[in-house]
Amino acid sequence: MKKRVLLCGATGFIGRNILERLYQENEYDIIGTYFRSKPTENYDIAWKKIDLRSQPQISKIIENVDIVIQYAAT
């Protein structure tokens, strides 16, 4: 069973590189977040637009997530 990974800031410089690596390993179900920059990558993952300053949005998105990787700027 694949672990679910939440990658915050998946469209940024570091986040994109982490995303590429996780995607290539094919061992994770990945949820990538973005706020301003829409994803341009063609990865088959779940993309979520979220404001990480919003506690209700955070609480909702982390449900059933095994790993959180935070590379979003604040």
Protein backbone atom coordinates (compact mmCIF):
# COMPACT_ATOMS: atom_id res chain seq x y z
CA MET A 1 0.00 0.00 0.00
CA LYS A 2 1.41 3.36 -1.03
CA LYS A 3 1.90 6.08 1.57
CA ARG A 4 0.04 9.35 0.96
CA VAL A 5 2.37 12.36 0.80
CA LEU A 6 1.28 15.98 1.05
CA LEU A 7 3.88 18.17 -0.66
CA CYS A 8 3.27 21.81 0.26
CA GLY A 9 4.77 24.21 -2.27
CA ALA A 10 5.00 21.65 -5.06
CA THR A 11 5.20 24.36 -7.75
CA GLY A 12 8.19 26.17 -6.26
CA PHE A 13 11.84 25.51 -7.13
CA ILE A 14 12.60 23.05 -4.32
CA GLY A 15 9.10 21.59 -4.23
CA ARG A 16 9.20 20.80 -7.96
CA ASN A 17 12.44 18.92 -7.54
CA ILE A 18 11.14 16.95 -4.57
CA LEU A 19 7.96 16.20 -6.54
CA GLU A 20 9.96 14.90 -9.49
CA ARG A 21 11.95 12.57 -7.25
CA LEU A 22 8.91 11.23 -5.38
CA TYR A 23 7.01 10.75 -8.64
CA GLN A 24 9.88 8.80 -10.23
CA GLU A 25 10.09 6.48 -7.22
CA ASN A 26 6.42 5.52 -7.82
CA GLU A 27 6.02 4.53 -4.15
CA TYR A 28 3.71 7.34 -3.03
CA ASP A 29 0.28 8.80 -3.68
CA ILE A 30 1.16 12.50 -3.93
CA ILE A 31 -0.96 15.54 -3.20
CA GLY A 32 0.75 18.73 -4.38
CA THR A 33 -0.32 22.13 -3.10
CA TYR A 34 -0.08 25.52 -4.75
CA PHE A 35 -1.33 28.99 -3.94
CA ARG A 36 -0.44 31.53 -6.62
CA SER A 37 1.51 29.59 -9.22
CA LYS A 38 -0.69 27.08 -11.00
CA PRO A 39 1.02 23.76 -11.69
CA THR A 40 2.58 23.48 -15.13
CA GLU A 41 3.99 19.99 -14.59
CA ASN A 42 2.17 17.10 -16.22
CA TYR A 43 2.47 14.74 -13.27
CA ASP A 44 -0.49 12.49 -12.58
CA ILE A 45 -1.01 13.62 -8.98
CA ALA A 46 -3.75 15.35 -7.02
CA TRP A 47 -3.29 19.13 -7.17
CA LYS A 48 -4.93 21.28 -4.48
CA LYS A 49 -5.06 25.06 -4.37
CA ILE A 50 -4.77 26.00 -0.71
CA ASP A 51 -3.91 28.94 1.51
CA LEU A 52 -1.64 27.41 4.14
CA ARG A 53 -2.43 30.33 6.47
CA SER A 54 -5.97 28.99 6.82
CA GLN A 55 -6.31 26.48 9.65
CA PRO A 56 -9.62 25.03 8.36
CA GLN A 57 -8.06 24.37 4.93
CA ILE A 58 -5.02 22.75 6.53
CA SER A 59 -7.13 20.54 8.79
CA LYS A 60 -9.12 19.32 5.81
CA ILE A 61 -6.17 18.60 3.52
CA ILE A 62 -4.08 16.65 6.05
CA GLU A 63 -6.82 14.09 6.70
CA ASN A 64 -5.59 10.61 5.76
CA VAL A 65 -2.08 11.86 4.91
CA ASP A 66 0.91 9.83 6.13
CA ILE A 67 3.75 12.27 5.34
CA VAL A 68 3.78 16.08 5.11
CA ILE A 69 6.66 17.81 3.34
CA GLN A 70 6.63 21.59 3.73
CA TYR A 71 8.43 23.65 1.07
CA ALA A 72 5.88 26.44 0.69
CA ALA A 73 6.98 30.00 1.36
CA THR A 74 5.09 32.05 3.91
